[in-house]
Each structure stands twice: as structure tokens, then as C-alpha cells.
Amino acid sequence: RHADHVLLLAEPDAPLRAGAADYLARVRSDWIRTDIVV
């Protein structure tokens, strides 16, 4: 809620944490930019 910009950290080939996809889809906003950092 405090973020102007979200950085999602990920390891190559590693599976997604449980619940992460649903949570991120629920809080997604066109105003808050999100990057994936590998």
C-alpha cells in the first residue's frame, strides 16, 4: 500500500510461492508499476 513501484524478486526456474499469483492479481493497479527482478 505504500509503494509507488513494486519489485518482484525471483530465482530462475523456481516455482511461484503459494498464493502469490492470486494476491498480486487482487492488488494490481495500472498506476503502480511492477517489475520482475531475476
Full PDB file with SEQRES, HELIX, SHEET, SSBOND, CRYST1, ORIGX, SCALE, CONECT and MASTER records, all heavy atoms in Angstrom:
SEQRES   1 A   38  ARG HIS ALA ASP HIS VAL LEU LEU LEU ALA GLU PRO ASP          
SEQRES   2 A   38  ALA PRO LEU ARG ALA GLY ALA ALA ASP TYR LEU ALA ARG          
SEQRES   3 A   38  VAL ARG SER ASP TRP ILE ARG THR ASP ILE VAL VAL              
HELIX    1 AA1 ALA A   20  VAL A   27  1                                   8    
SHEET    1 AA1 2 HIS A   5  LEU A   9  0                                        
SHEET    2 AA1 2 ARG A  33  VAL A  37  1                                        
CRYST1    1.000    1.000    1.000  90.00  90.00  90.00 P 1           1          
ORIGX1      1.000000  0.000000  0.000000        0.00000                         
ORIGX2      0.000000  1.000000  0.000000        0.00000                         
ORIGX3      0.000000  0.000000  1.000000        0.00000                         
SCALE1      1.000000  0.000000  0.000000        0.00000                         
SCALE2      0.000000  1.000000  0.000000        0.00000                         
SCALE3      0.000000  0.000000  1.000000        0.00000                         
ATOM      1  N   ARG A   1       0.827  -1.220   0.000  1.00  0.00           N  
ATOM      2  CA  ARG A   1       0.000   0.000   0.000  1.00  0.00           C  
ATOM      3  C   ARG A   1       0.856   1.263   0.000  1.00  0.00           C  
ATOM      4  O   ARG A   1       0.384   2.319  -0.399  1.00  0.00           O  
ATOM      5  CB  ARG A   1      -0.937   0.009   1.210  1.00  0.00           C  
ATOM      6  CG  ARG A   1      -2.031  -1.043   1.172  1.00  0.00           C  
ATOM      7  CD  ARG A   1      -3.159  -0.676   2.131  1.00  0.00           C  
ATOM      8  NE  ARG A   1      -2.670  -0.374   3.459  1.00  0.00           N  
ATOM      9  CZ  ARG A   1      -2.515  -1.262   4.433  1.00  0.00           C  
ATOM     10  NH1 ARG A   1      -2.775  -2.548   4.196  1.00  0.00           N  
ATOM     11  NH2 ARG A   1      -2.085  -0.884   5.619  1.00  0.00           N  
ATOM     12  N   HIS A   2       2.095   1.154   0.450  1.00  0.00           N  
ATOM     13  CA  HIS A   2       2.966   2.331   0.479  1.00  0.00           C  
ATOM     14  C   HIS A   2       3.779   2.490  -0.804  1.00  0.00           C  
ATOM     15  O   HIS A   2       4.491   3.480  -0.949  1.00  0.00           O  
ATOM     16  CB  HIS A   2       3.921   2.246   1.676  1.00  0.00           C  
ATOM     17  CG  HIS A   2       3.339   2.746   2.949  1.00  0.00           C  
ATOM     18  ND1 HIS A   2       3.699   3.939   3.534  1.00  0.00           N  
ATOM     19  CD2 HIS A   2       2.381   2.224   3.763  1.00  0.00           C  
ATOM     20  CE1 HIS A   2       3.016   4.129   4.635  1.00  0.00           C  
ATOM     21  NE2 HIS A   2       2.208   3.091   4.804  1.00  0.00           N  
ATOM     22  N   ALA A   3       3.697   1.542  -1.698  1.00  0.00           N  
ATOM     23  CA  ALA A   3       4.631   1.512  -2.825  1.00  0.00           C  
ATOM     24  C   ALA A   3       4.189   2.378  -3.998  1.00  0.00           C  
ATOM     25  O   ALA A   3       3.028   2.364  -4.391  1.00  0.00           O  
ATOM     26  CB  ALA A   3       4.806   0.074  -3.298  1.00  0.00           C  
ATOM     27  N   ASP A   4       5.157   3.100  -4.556  1.00  0.00           N  
ATOM     28  CA  ASP A   4       4.998   3.700  -5.887  1.00  0.00           C  
ATOM     29  C   ASP A   4       5.420   2.702  -6.963  1.00  0.00           C  
ATOM     30  O   ASP A   4       4.976   2.776  -8.097  1.00  0.00           O  
ATOM     31  CB  ASP A   4       5.883   4.950  -6.033  1.00  0.00           C  
ATOM     32  CG  ASP A   4       5.454   6.083  -5.119  1.00  0.00           C  
ATOM     33  OD1 ASP A   4       4.250   6.201  -4.836  1.00  0.00           O  
ATOM     34  OD2 ASP A   4       6.338   6.839  -4.683  1.00  0.00           O  
ATOM     35  N   HIS A   5       6.307   1.781  -6.574  1.00  0.00           N  
ATOM     36  CA  HIS A   5       6.905   0.855  -7.536  1.00  0.00           C  
ATOM     37  C   HIS A   5       7.189  -0.456  -6.811  1.00  0.00           C  
ATOM     38  O   HIS A   5       7.757  -0.446  -5.715  1.00  0.00           O  
ATOM     39  CB  HIS A   5       8.211   1.452  -8.081  1.00  0.00           C  
ATOM     40  CG  HIS A   5       8.793   0.732  -9.244  1.00  0.00           C  
ATOM     41  ND1 HIS A   5       9.040   1.339 -10.452  1.00  0.00           N  
ATOM     42  CD2 HIS A   5       9.189  -0.544  -9.405  1.00  0.00           C  
ATOM     43  CE1 HIS A   5       9.570   0.471 -11.291  1.00  0.00           C  
ATOM     44  NE2 HIS A   5       9.659  -0.698 -10.677  1.00  0.00           N  
ATOM     45  N   VAL A   6       6.796  -1.576  -7.415  1.00  0.00           N  
ATOM     46  CA  VAL A   6       6.971  -2.888  -6.798  1.00  0.00           C  
ATOM     47  C   VAL A   6       7.998  -3.687  -7.588  1.00  0.00           C  
ATOM     48  O   VAL A   6       7.927  -3.760  -8.821  1.00  0.00           O  
ATOM     49  CB  VAL A   6       5.635  -3.659  -6.743  1.00  0.00           C  
ATOM     50  CG1 VAL A   6       5.852  -5.067  -6.178  1.00  0.00           C  
ATOM     51  CG2 VAL A   6       4.611  -2.897  -5.903  1.00  0.00           C  
ATOM     52  N   LEU A   7       8.955  -4.281  -6.874  1.00  0.00           N  
ATOM     53  CA  LEU A   7       9.973  -5.136  -7.477  1.00  0.00           C  
ATOM     54  C   LEU A   7       9.766  -6.558  -6.956  1.00  0.00           C  
ATOM     55  O   LEU A   7       9.900  -6.808  -5.752  1.00  0.00           O  
ATOM     56  CB  LEU A   7      11.372  -4.644  -7.116  1.00  0.00           C  
ATOM     57  CG  LEU A   7      11.743  -3.238  -7.608  1.00  0.00           C  
ATOM     58  CD1 LEU A   7      13.067  -2.787  -6.999  1.00  0.00           C  
ATOM     59  CD2 LEU A   7      11.810  -3.185  -9.119  1.00  0.00           C  
ATOM     60  N   LEU A   8       9.411  -7.468  -7.871  1.00  0.00           N  
ATOM     61  CA  LEU A   8       9.197  -8.856  -7.515  1.00  0.00           C  
ATOM     62  C   LEU A   8      10.493  -9.625  -7.742  1.00  0.00           C  
ATOM     63  O   LEU A   8      10.974  -9.715  -8.871  1.00  0.00           O  
ATOM     64  CB  LEU A   8       8.073  -9.462  -8.366  1.00  0.00           C  
ATOM     65  CG  LEU A   8       6.728  -8.729  -8.329  1.00  0.00           C  
ATOM     66  CD1 LEU A   8       5.731  -9.426  -9.253  1.00  0.00           C  
ATOM     67  CD2 LEU A   8       6.182  -8.655  -6.907  1.00  0.00           C  
ATOM     68  N   LEU A   9      11.071 -10.167  -6.688  1.00  0.00           N  
ATOM     69  CA  LEU A   9      12.328 -10.908  -6.784  1.00  0.00           C  
ATOM     70  C   LEU A   9      12.046 -12.373  -7.092  1.00  0.00           C  
ATOM     71  O   LEU A   9      11.168 -12.979  -6.469  1.00  0.00           O  
ATOM     72  CB  LEU A   9      13.110 -10.815  -5.475  1.00  0.00           C  
ATOM     73  CG  LEU A   9      13.683  -9.456  -5.075  1.00  0.00           C  
ATOM     74  CD1 LEU A   9      14.518  -9.603  -3.815  1.00  0.00           C  
ATOM     75  CD2 LEU A   9      14.506  -8.862  -6.189  1.00  0.00           C  
ATOM     76  N   ALA A  10      12.798 -12.926  -8.025  1.00  0.00           N  
ATOM     77  CA  ALA A  10      12.587 -14.325  -8.404  1.00  0.00           C  
ATOM     78  C   ALA A  10      13.900 -14.992  -8.755  1.00  0.00           C  
ATOM     79  O   ALA A  10      14.807 -14.362  -9.305  1.00  0.00           O  
ATOM     80  CB  ALA A  10      11.621 -14.404  -9.585  1.00  0.00           C  
ATOM     81  N   GLU A  11      13.991 -16.278  -8.430  1.00  0.00           N  
ATOM     82  CA  GLU A  11      15.093 -17.119  -8.862  1.00  0.00           C  
ATOM     83  C   GLU A  11      14.703 -17.810 -10.161  1.00  0.00           C  
ATOM     84  O   GLU A  11      13.550 -18.214 -10.332  1.00  0.00           O  
ATOM     85  CB  GLU A  11      15.410 -18.179  -7.797  1.00  0.00           C  
ATOM     86  CG  GLU A  11      16.108 -17.642  -6.564  1.00  0.00           C  
ATOM     87  CD  GLU A  11      17.605 -17.467  -6.777  1.00  0.00           C  
ATOM     88  OE1 GLU A  11      18.076 -17.769  -7.894  1.00  0.00           O  
ATOM     89  OE2 GLU A  11      18.286 -17.031  -5.837  1.00  0.00           O  
ATOM     90  N   PRO A  12      15.623 -17.972 -11.107  1.00  0.00           N  
ATOM     91  CA  PRO A  12      15.293 -18.693 -12.344  1.00  0.00           C  
ATOM     92  C   PRO A  12      14.819 -20.111 -12.025  1.00  0.00           C  
ATOM     93  O   PRO A  12      15.339 -20.763 -11.112  1.00  0.00           O  
ATOM     94  CB  PRO A  12      16.616 -18.704 -13.112  1.00  0.00           C  
ATOM     95  CG  PRO A  12      17.412 -17.584 -12.530  1.00  0.00           C  
ATOM     96  CD  PRO A  12      17.023 -17.500 -11.098  1.00  0.00           C  
ATOM     97  N   ASP A  13      13.849 -20.555 -12.764  1.00  0.00           N  
ATOM     98  CA  ASP A  13      13.326 -21.927 -12.684  1.00  0.00           C  
ATOM     99  C   ASP A  13      12.564 -22.222 -11.396  1.00  0.00           C  
ATOM    100  O   ASP A  13      11.911 -23.261 -11.303  1.00  0.00           O  
ATOM    101  CB  ASP A  13      14.445 -22.969 -12.833  1.00  0.00           C  
ATOM    102  CG  ASP A  13      15.237 -22.799 -14.119  1.00  0.00           C  
ATOM    103  OD1 ASP A  13      14.602 -22.485 -15.147  1.00  0.00           O  
ATOM    104  OD2 ASP A  13      16.463 -22.959 -14.105  1.00  0.00           O  
ATOM    105  N   ALA A  14      12.631 -21.368 -10.383  1.00  0.00           N  
ATOM    106  CA  ALA A  14      11.982 -21.654  -9.105  1.00  0.00           C  
ATOM    107  C   ALA A  14      10.484 -21.429  -9.204  1.00  0.00           C  
ATOM    108  O   ALA A  14      10.032 -20.457  -9.827  1.00  0.00           O  
ATOM    109  CB  ALA A  14      12.565 -20.772  -8.009  1.00  0.00           C  
ATOM    110  N   PRO A  15       9.665 -22.293  -8.613  1.00  0.00           N  
ATOM    111  CA  PRO A  15       8.202 -22.131  -8.686  1.00  0.00           C  
ATOM    112  C   PRO A  15       7.728 -20.926  -7.881  1.00  0.00           C  
ATOM    113  O   PRO A  15       8.417 -20.447  -6.969  1.00  0.00           O  
ATOM    114  CB  PRO A  15       7.674 -23.436  -8.091  1.00  0.00           C  
ATOM    115  CG  PRO A  15       8.774 -23.924  -7.207  1.00  0.00           C  
ATOM    116  CD  PRO A  15      10.053 -23.507  -7.865  1.00  0.00           C  
ATOM    117  N   LEU A  16       6.552 -20.478  -8.197  1.00  0.00           N  
ATOM    118  CA  LEU A  16       5.957 -19.327  -7.527  1.00  0.00           C  
ATOM    119  C   LEU A  16       5.514 -19.711  -6.119  1.00  0.00           C  
ATOM    120  O   LEU A  16       5.024 -20.814  -5.882  1.00  0.00           O  
ATOM    121  CB  LEU A  16       4.755 -18.846  -8.351  1.00  0.00           C  
ATOM    122  CG  LEU A  16       4.123 -17.497  -8.002  1.00  0.00           C  
ATOM    123  CD1 LEU A  16       5.119 -16.369  -8.216  1.00  0.00           C  
ATOM    124  CD2 LEU A  16       2.886 -17.278  -8.873  1.00  0.00           C  
ATOM    125  N   ARG A  17       5.675 -18.792  -5.189  1.00  0.00           N  
ATOM    126  CA  ARG A  17       5.196 -19.024  -3.837  1.00  0.00           C  
ATOM    127  C   ARG A  17       3.682 -19.204  -3.825  1.00  0.00           C  
ATOM    128  O   ARG A  17       2.955 -18.569  -4.605  1.00  0.00           O  
ATOM    129  CB  ARG A  17       5.573 -17.862  -2.921  1.00  0.00           C  
ATOM    130  CG  ARG A  17       6.995 -17.907  -2.413  1.00  0.00           C  
ATOM    131  CD  ARG A  17       7.275 -16.709  -1.531  1.00  0.00           C  
ATOM    132  NE  ARG A  17       8.447 -16.918  -0.711  1.00  0.00           N  
ATOM    133  CZ  ARG A  17       8.924 -16.014   0.135  1.00  0.00           C  
ATOM    134  NH1 ARG A  17       8.322 -14.836   0.258  1.00  0.00           N  
ATOM    135  NH2 ARG A  17       9.989 -16.272   0.850  1.00  0.00           N  
ATOM    136  N   ALA A  18       3.208 -20.027  -2.921  1.00  0.00           N  
ATOM    137  CA  ALA A  18       1.774 -20.294  -2.818  1.00  0.00           C  
ATOM    138  C   ALA A  18       1.022 -18.997  -2.533  1.00  0.00           C  
ATOM    139  O   ALA A  18       1.401 -18.217  -1.660  1.00  0.00           O  
ATOM    140  CB  ALA A  18       1.519 -21.304  -1.704  1.00  0.00           C  
ATOM    141  N   GLY A  19      -0.039 -18.780  -3.292  1.00  0.00           N  
ATOM    142  CA  GLY A  19      -0.890 -17.617  -3.080  1.00  0.00           C  
ATOM    143  C   GLY A  19      -0.410 -16.339  -3.716  1.00  0.00           C  
ATOM    144  O   GLY A  19      -1.132 -15.333  -3.726  1.00  0.00           O  
ATOM    145  N   ALA A  20       0.812 -16.331  -4.264  1.00  0.00           N  
ATOM    146  CA  ALA A  20       1.378 -15.092  -4.801  1.00  0.00           C  
ATOM    147  C   ALA A  20       0.598 -14.587  -6.010  1.00  0.00           C  
ATOM    148  O   ALA A  20       0.326 -13.385  -6.132  1.00  0.00           O  
ATOM    149  CB  ALA A  20       2.843 -15.288  -5.169  1.00  0.00           C  
ATOM    150  N   ALA A  21       0.236 -15.493  -6.927  1.00  0.00           N  
ATOM    151  CA  ALA A  21      -0.464 -15.067  -8.142  1.00  0.00           C  
ATOM    152  C   ALA A  21      -1.805 -14.431  -7.805  1.00  0.00           C  
ATOM    153  O   ALA A  21      -2.169 -13.375  -8.347  1.00  0.00           O  
ATOM    154  CB  ALA A  21      -0.649 -16.258  -9.078  1.00  0.00           C  
ATOM    155  N   ASP A  22      -2.569 -15.065  -6.911  1.00  0.00           N  
ATOM    156  CA  ASP A  22      -3.883 -14.527  -6.538  1.00  0.00           C  
ATOM    157  C   ASP A  22      -3.740 -13.181  -5.845  1.00  0.00           C  
ATOM    158  O   ASP A  22      -4.494 -12.239  -6.124  1.00  0.00           O  
ATOM    159  CB  ASP A  22      -4.619 -15.511  -5.632  1.00  0.00           C  
ATOM    160  CG  ASP A  22      -5.051 -16.769  -6.362  1.00  0.00           C  
ATOM    161  OD1 ASP A  22      -5.123 -16.729  -7.610  1.00  0.00           O  
ATOM    162  OD2 ASP A  22      -5.308 -17.783  -5.696  1.00  0.00           O  
ATOM    163  N   TYR A  23      -2.768 -13.081  -4.941  1.00  0.00           N  
ATOM    164  CA  TYR A  23      -2.576 -11.817  -4.219  1.00  0.00           C  
ATOM    165  C   TYR A  23      -2.198 -10.688  -5.167  1.00  0.00           C  
ATOM    166  O   TYR A  23      -2.773  -9.593  -5.119  1.00  0.00           O  
ATOM    167  CB  TYR A  23      -1.507 -11.983  -3.145  1.00  0.00           C  
ATOM    168  CG  TYR A  23      -1.070 -10.674  -2.534  1.00  0.00           C  
ATOM    169  CD1 TYR A  23      -1.921  -9.954  -1.700  1.00  0.00           C  
ATOM    170  CD2 TYR A  23       0.190 -10.132  -2.815  1.00  0.00           C  
ATOM    171  CE1 TYR A  23      -1.532  -8.736  -1.155  1.00  0.00           C  
ATOM    172  CE2 TYR A  23       0.590  -8.925  -2.268  1.00  0.00           C  
ATOM    173  CZ  TYR A  23      -0.270  -8.233  -1.444  1.00  0.00           C  
ATOM    174  OH  TYR A  23       0.102  -7.026  -0.913  1.00  0.00           O  
ATOM    175  N   LEU A  24      -1.244 -10.938  -6.048  1.00  0.00           N  
ATOM    176  CA  LEU A  24      -0.791  -9.887  -6.955  1.00  0.00           C  
ATOM    177  C   LEU A  24      -1.870  -9.494  -7.941  1.00  0.00           C  
ATOM    178  O   LEU A  24      -1.981  -8.318  -8.316  1.00  0.00           O  
ATOM    179  CB  LEU A  24       0.472 -10.353  -7.691  1.00  0.00           C  
ATOM    180  CG  LEU A  24       1.712 -10.529  -6.801  1.00  0.00           C  
ATOM    181  CD1 LEU A  24       2.834 -11.200  -7.579  1.00  0.00           C  
ATOM    182  CD2 LEU A  24       2.172  -9.181  -6.254  1.00  0.00           C  
ATOM    183  N   ALA A  25      -2.679 -10.444  -8.381  1.00  0.00           N  
ATOM    184  CA  ALA A  25      -3.788 -10.106  -9.271  1.00  0.00           C  
ATOM    185  C   ALA A  25      -4.821  -9.256  -8.548  1.00  0.00           C  
ATOM    186  O   ALA A  25      -5.419  -8.341  -9.131  1.00  0.00           O  
ATOM    187  CB  ALA A  25      -4.432 -11.390  -9.805  1.00  0.00           C  
ATOM    188  N   ARG A  26      -5.012  -9.526  -7.273  1.00  0.00           N  
ATOM    189  CA  ARG A  26      -6.022  -8.798  -6.496  1.00  0.00           C  
ATOM    190  C   ARG A  26      -5.614  -7.348  -6.250  1.00  0.00           C  
ATOM    191  O   ARG A  26      -6.467  -6.451  -6.208  1.00  0.00           O  
ATOM    192  CB  ARG A  26      -6.243  -9.528  -5.166  1.00  0.00           C  
ATOM    193  CG  ARG A  26      -7.412  -9.022  -4.355  1.00  0.00           C  
ATOM    194  CD  ARG A  26      -7.750  -9.980  -3.222  1.00  0.00           C  
ATOM    195  NE  ARG A  26      -6.726 -10.010  -2.176  1.00  0.00           N  
ATOM    196  CZ  ARG A  26      -5.939 -11.049  -1.931  1.00  0.00           C  
ATOM    197  NH1 ARG A  26      -6.051 -12.154  -2.656  1.00  0.00           N  
ATOM    198  NH2 ARG A  26      -5.042 -10.999  -0.961  1.00  0.00           N  
ATOM    199  N   VAL A  27      -4.318  -7.105  -6.077  1.00  0.00           N  
ATOM    200  CA  VAL A  27      -3.870  -5.747  -5.734  1.00  0.00           C  
ATOM    201  C   VAL A  27      -3.316  -5.001  -6.954  1.00  0.00           C  
ATOM    202  O   VAL A  27      -2.820  -3.881  -6.805  1.00  0.00           O  
ATOM    203  CB  VAL A  27      -2.792  -5.792  -4.628  1.00  0.00           C  
ATOM    204  CG1 VAL A  27      -3.360  -6.428  -3.375  1.00  0.00           C  
ATOM    205  CG2 VAL A  27      -1.537  -6.535  -5.107  1.00  0.00           C  
ATOM    206  N   ARG A  28      -3.414  -5.592  -8.124  1.00  0.00           N  
ATOM    207  CA  ARG A  28      -2.843  -4.970  -9.320  1.00  0.00           C  
ATOM    208  C   ARG A  28      -3.481  -3.607  -9.592  1.00  0.00           C  
ATOM    209  O   ARG A  28      -4.684  -3.427  -9.454  1.00  0.00           O  
ATOM    210  CB  ARG A  28      -3.035  -5.889 -10.528  1.00  0.00           C  
ATOM    211  CG  ARG A  28      -2.399  -5.362 -11.801  1.00  0.00           C  
ATOM    212  CD  ARG A  28      -2.646  -6.292 -12.980  1.00  0.00           C  
ATOM    213  NE  ARG A  28      -2.039  -5.788 -14.187  1.00  0.00           N  
ATOM    214  CZ  ARG A  28      -2.622  -4.881 -14.984  1.00  0.00           C  
ATOM    215  NH1 ARG A  28      -3.821  -4.426 -14.691  1.00  0.00           N  
ATOM    216  NH2 ARG A  28      -2.002  -4.450 -16.074  1.00  0.00           N  
ATOM    217  N   SER A  29      -2.663  -2.645  -9.980  1.00  0.00           N  
ATOM    218  CA  SER A  29      -3.129  -1.300 -10.312  1.00  0.00           C  
ATOM    219  C   SER A  29      -2.341  -0.780 -11.508  1.00  0.00           C  
ATOM    220  O   SER A  29      -1.118  -0.951 -11.569  1.00  0.00           O  
ATOM    221  CB  SER A  29      -2.942  -0.356  -9.123  1.00  0.00           C  
ATOM    222  OG  SER A  29      -3.127   0.994  -9.506  1.00  0.00           O  
ATOM    223  N   ASP A  30      -3.040  -0.151 -12.441  1.00  0.00           N  
ATOM    224  CA  ASP A  30      -2.358   0.446 -13.592  1.00  0.00           C  
ATOM    225  C   ASP A  30      -1.460   1.606 -13.171  1.00  0.00           C  
ATOM    226  O   ASP A  30      -0.587   2.025 -13.942  1.00  0.00           O  
ATOM    227  CB  ASP A  30      -3.385   0.932 -14.615  1.00  0.00           C  
ATOM    228  CG  ASP A  30      -4.106  -0.203 -15.305  1.00  0.00           C  
ATOM    229  OD1 ASP A  30      -3.557  -1.317 -15.338  1.00  0.00           O  
ATOM    230  OD2 ASP A  30      -5.229   0.013 -15.807  1.00  0.00           O  
ATOM    231  N   TRP A  31      -1.679   2.129 -11.968  1.00  0.00           N  
ATOM    232  CA  TRP A  31      -0.912   3.280 -11.509  1.00  0.00           C  
ATOM    233  C   TRP A  31       0.393   2.872 -10.823  1.00  0.00           C  
ATOM    234  O   TRP A  31       1.315   3.673 -10.712  1.00  0.00           O  
ATOM    235  CB  TRP A  31      -1.742   4.109 -10.531  1.00  0.00           C  
ATOM    236  CG  TRP A  31      -2.832   4.891 -11.182  1.00  0.00           C  
ATOM    237  CD1 TRP A  31      -4.132   4.523 -11.323  1.00  0.00           C  
ATOM    238  CD2 TRP A  31      -2.724   6.186 -11.771  1.00  0.00           C  
ATOM    239  NE1 TRP A  31      -4.845   5.516 -11.960  1.00  0.00           N  
ATOM    240  CE2 TRP A  31      -4.001   6.544 -12.243  1.00  0.00           C  
ATOM    241  CE3 TRP A  31      -1.671   7.091 -11.947  1.00  0.00           C  
ATOM    242  CZ2 TRP A  31      -4.254   7.762 -12.876  1.00  0.00           C  
ATOM    243  CZ3 TRP A  31      -1.929   8.297 -12.583  1.00  0.00           C  
ATOM    244  CH2 TRP A  31      -3.204   8.621 -13.034  1.00  0.00           C  
ATOM    245  N   ILE A  32       0.447   1.652 -10.301  1.00  0.00           N  
ATOM    246  CA  ILE A  32       1.624   1.203  -9.574  1.00  0.00           C  
ATOM    247  C   ILE A  32       2.407   0.253 -10.474  1.00  0.00           C  
ATOM    248  O   ILE A  32       1.934  -0.828 -10.805  1.00  0.00           O  
ATOM    249  CB  ILE A  32       1.238   0.470  -8.262  1.00  0.00           C  
ATOM    250  CG1 ILE A  32       0.283   1.342  -7.439  1.00  0.00           C  
ATOM    251  CG2 ILE A  32       2.487   0.113  -7.478  1.00  0.00           C  
ATOM    252  CD1 ILE A  32       0.852   2.673  -7.032  1.00  0.00           C  
ATOM    253  N   ARG A  33       3.590   0.660 -10.878  1.00  0.00           N  
ATOM    254  CA  ARG A  33       4.367  -0.139 -11.814  1.00  0.00           C  
ATOM    255  C   ARG A  33       5.028  -1.309 -11.085  1.00  0.00           C  
ATOM    256  O   ARG A  33       5.505  -1.170  -9.954  1.00  0.00           O  
ATOM    257  CB  ARG A  33       5.432   0.733 -12.483  1.00  0.00           C  
ATOM    258  CG  ARG A  33       6.105   0.055 -13.674  1.00  0.00           C  
ATOM    259  CD  ARG A  33       6.803   1.065 -14.538  1.00  0.00           C  
ATOM    260  NE  ARG A  33       7.893   1.731 -13.854  1.00  0.00           N  
ATOM    261  CZ  ARG A  33       8.488   2.824 -14.311  1.00  0.00           C  
ATOM    262  NH1 ARG A  33       8.089   3.374 -15.429  1.00  0.00           N  
ATOM    263  NH2 ARG A  33       9.491   3.385 -13.646  1.00  0.00           N  
ATOM    264  N   THR A  34       5.055  -2.452 -11.749  1.00  0.00           N  
ATOM    265  CA  THR A  34       5.650  -3.654 -11.193  1.00  0.00           C  
ATOM    266  C   THR A  34       6.676  -4.213 -12.161  1.00  0.00           C  
ATOM    267  O   THR A  34       6.400  -4.351 -13.348  1.00  0.00           O  
ATOM    268  CB  THR A  34       4.569  -4.720 -10.920  1.00  0.00           C  
ATOM    269  OG1 THR A  34       3.627  -4.210  -9.967  1.00  0.00           O  
ATOM    270  CG2 THR A  34       5.189  -5.997 -10.384  1.00  0.00           C  
ATOM    271  N   ASP A  35       7.862  -4.515 -11.665  1.00  0.00           N  
ATOM    272  CA  ASP A  35       8.909  -5.175 -12.439  1.00  0.00           C  
ATOM    273  C   ASP A  35       9.240  -6.514 -11.796  1.00  0.00           C  
ATOM    274  O   ASP A  35       9.093  -6.683 -10.579  1.00  0.00           O  
ATOM    275  CB  ASP A  35      10.186  -4.325 -12.484  1.00  0.00           C  
ATOM    276  CG  ASP A  35      10.033  -3.048 -13.290  1.00  0.00           C  
ATOM    277  OD1 ASP A  35       9.201  -3.033 -14.221  1.00  0.00           O  
ATOM    278  OD2 ASP A  35      10.738  -2.072 -12.981  1.00  0.00           O  
ATOM    279  N   ILE A  36       9.696  -7.447 -12.611  1.00  0.00           N  
ATOM    280  CA  ILE A  36      10.237  -8.702 -12.099  1.00  0.00           C  
ATOM    281  C   ILE A  36      11.760  -8.620 -12.173  1.00  0.00           C  
ATOM    282  O   ILE A  36      12.324  -8.350 -13.233  1.00  0.00           O  
ATOM    283  CB  ILE A  36       9.739  -9.909 -12.900  1.00  0.00           C  
ATOM    284  CG1 ILE A  36       8.214 -10.050 -12.771  1.00  0.00           C  
ATOM    285  CG2 ILE A  36      10.411 -11.188 -12.416  1.00  0.00           C  
ATOM    286  CD1 ILE A  36       7.640 -11.194 -13.575  1.00  0.00           C  
ATOM    287  N   VAL A  37      12.415  -8.821 -11.039  1.00  0.00           N  
ATOM    288  CA  VAL A  37      13.871  -8.806 -10.968  1.00  0.00           C  
ATOM    289  C   VAL A  37      14.330 -10.250 -10.810  1.00  0.00           C  
ATOM    290  O   VAL A  37      13.969 -10.927  -9.842  1.00  0.00           O  
ATOM    291  CB  VAL A  37      14.367  -7.953  -9.794  1.00  0.00           C  
ATOM    292  CG1 VAL A  37      15.893  -7.956  -9.745  1.00  0.00           C  
ATOM    293  CG2 VAL A  37      13.831  -6.524  -9.912  1.00  0.00           C  
ATOM    294  N   VAL A  38      15.120 -10.723 -11.765  1.00  0.00           N  
ATOM    295  CA  VAL A  38      15.554 -12.119 -11.782  1.00  0.00           C  
ATOM    296  C   VAL A  38      16.991 -12.198 -11.277  1.00  0.00           C  
ATOM    297  O   VAL A  38      17.895 -11.578 -11.850  1.00  0.00           O  
ATOM    298  CB  VAL A  38      15.438 -12.725 -13.190  1.00  0.00           C  
ATOM    299  CG1 VAL A  38      15.647 -14.237 -13.127  1.00  0.00           C  
ATOM    300  CG2 VAL A  38      14.081 -12.405 -13.811  1.00  0.00           C  
TER     301      VAL A  38                                                      
MASTER        0    0    0    1    2    0    0    6  300    1    0    3          
END                                                                             
